[in-house]
Protein backbone atom coordinates (compact mmCIF):
# COMPACT_ATOMS: atom_id res chain seq x y z
CA TRP A 1 0.00 0.00 0.00
CA GLN A 2 1.42 3.36 -1.05
CA ARG A 3 0.42 6.84 -0.07
CA CYS A 4 -1.19 8.90 -2.88
CA ILE A 5 -2.15 12.51 -3.48
CA THR A 6 -5.28 13.51 -5.37
CA ALA A 7 -4.98 16.89 -7.08
CA LEU A 8 -5.73 18.46 -10.45
CA ASP A 9 -8.25 15.67 -11.12
CA LYS A 10 -5.46 13.05 -10.99
CA THR A 11 -3.85 10.71 -8.47
CA TRP A 12 -0.11 11.09 -7.86
CA HIS A 13 2.67 9.40 -5.94
CA PRO A 14 3.92 12.10 -3.54
CA GLU A 15 7.37 12.12 -5.15
CA HIS A 16 5.85 12.80 -8.58
CA PHE A 17 3.57 15.67 -7.56
CA CYS A 18 5.88 18.66 -7.90
CA CYS A 19 6.10 22.20 -9.24
CA ALA A 20 5.70 22.46 -13.02
CA HIS A 21 8.40 25.15 -13.10
CA CYS A 22 11.17 24.18 -10.64
CA GLY A 23 10.37 20.49 -10.15
CA GLN A 24 10.51 20.64 -6.34
CA ASN A 25 8.01 18.76 -4.17
CA PHE A 26 5.45 20.93 -2.41
CA GLY A 27 5.84 19.62 1.12
CA ASP A 28 3.59 21.31 3.67
CA ASP A 29 3.35 24.57 1.68
CA GLY A 30 0.73 23.28 -0.75
CA TYR A 31 0.48 24.39 -4.34
CA HIS A 32 -1.16 26.95 -6.61
CA GLU A 33 -2.89 25.94 -9.84
CA LYS A 34 -2.77 27.72 -13.19
CA ALA A 35 -3.95 26.29 -16.53
CA GLY A 36 -4.03 22.74 -15.18
CA ASN A 37 -0.49 22.85 -13.76
CA ALA A 38 0.66 22.96 -10.15
CA TYR A 39 3.24 25.50 -8.97
CA CYS A 40 5.01 26.18 -5.69
CA ARG A 41 4.09 29.52 -4.10
CA GLN A 42 7.38 31.17 -5.05
CA ASP A 43 7.21 30.21 -8.74
CA PHE A 44 3.49 30.93 -9.02
CA PHE A 45 3.96 34.53 -7.89
CA LYS A 46 7.18 34.95 -9.87
CA LEU A 47 5.49 33.78 -13.08
CA PHE A 48 1.90 35.02 -12.78
CA ALA A 49 1.52 37.78 -10.17
CA PRO A 50 1.42 41.42 -11.24
CA LYS A 51 4.78 43.16 -10.82
CA CYS A 52 5.29 46.24 -8.67
CA SER A 53 5.85 49.46 -10.64
CA GLY A 54 8.41 50.50 -8.03
CA CYS A 55 10.63 47.46 -7.48
CA SER A 56 9.45 45.06 -10.25
CA LYS A 57 9.02 42.21 -7.75
CA PRO A 58 5.79 40.16 -7.67
CA ILE A 59 2.89 41.54 -5.66
CA GLU A 60 1.61 38.80 -3.35
CA ASP A 61 -0.86 40.66 -1.14
CA ASN A 62 -2.20 44.17 -0.57
CA TYR A 63 -1.19 46.77 -3.11
CA VAL A 64 -1.83 50.32 -4.30
CA THR A 65 -3.16 51.09 -7.77
CA ALA A 66 -1.97 54.51 -8.96
CA LEU A 67 -0.20 56.29 -11.81
CA GLY A 68 -1.09 53.54 -14.26
CA GLY A 69 0.48 50.73 -12.24
CA GLN A 70 0.30 48.52 -9.18
CA TRP A 71 2.67 49.03 -6.25
CA HIS A 72 3.61 47.35 -2.98
CA GLN A 73 2.39 49.66 -0.25
CA ASP A 74 5.99 50.26 0.88
CA CYS A 75 7.14 51.06 -2.67
CA PHE A 76 4.56 53.77 -3.32
CA VAL A 77 6.49 56.70 -1.86
CA CYS A 78 7.00 60.35 -2.63
CA ARG A 79 9.79 60.89 -5.19
CA VAL A 80 10.94 64.06 -3.39
CA CYS A 81 11.03 62.85 0.23
CA PRO A 82 11.38 59.34 1.69
CA PHE A 83 7.90 59.17 3.18
CA SER A 84 5.18 56.72 2.21
CA ILE A 85 2.06 58.11 0.66
CA ASP A 86 -0.96 57.00 2.68
C-alpha cells in the first residue's frame, strides 16, 4: 500500500507531484494551480503575479493602484522625500 495525493483531477505518488516550473516537491506549503499545472508559491507569484511598478518584484498581497500601475504599499512613496504616501 502506497500513499497517494489527489490533485488536479489526478492521483499522484507524492514524489511525482511537484512544481511544473522548478520540479521541487510541495511539502507542507501546498500548491497553486494555473492552466491545469501545479506551482510552488514562489514560482506561481514569480510567473503570474502582477509586478510592482516601483521594485518590479511580484505583488503577493495588498497593493496600491496609482499612476497607471500597481505598487507594494511600501514602494509607493514620494519621489521628493522618503515618506510613504498614505
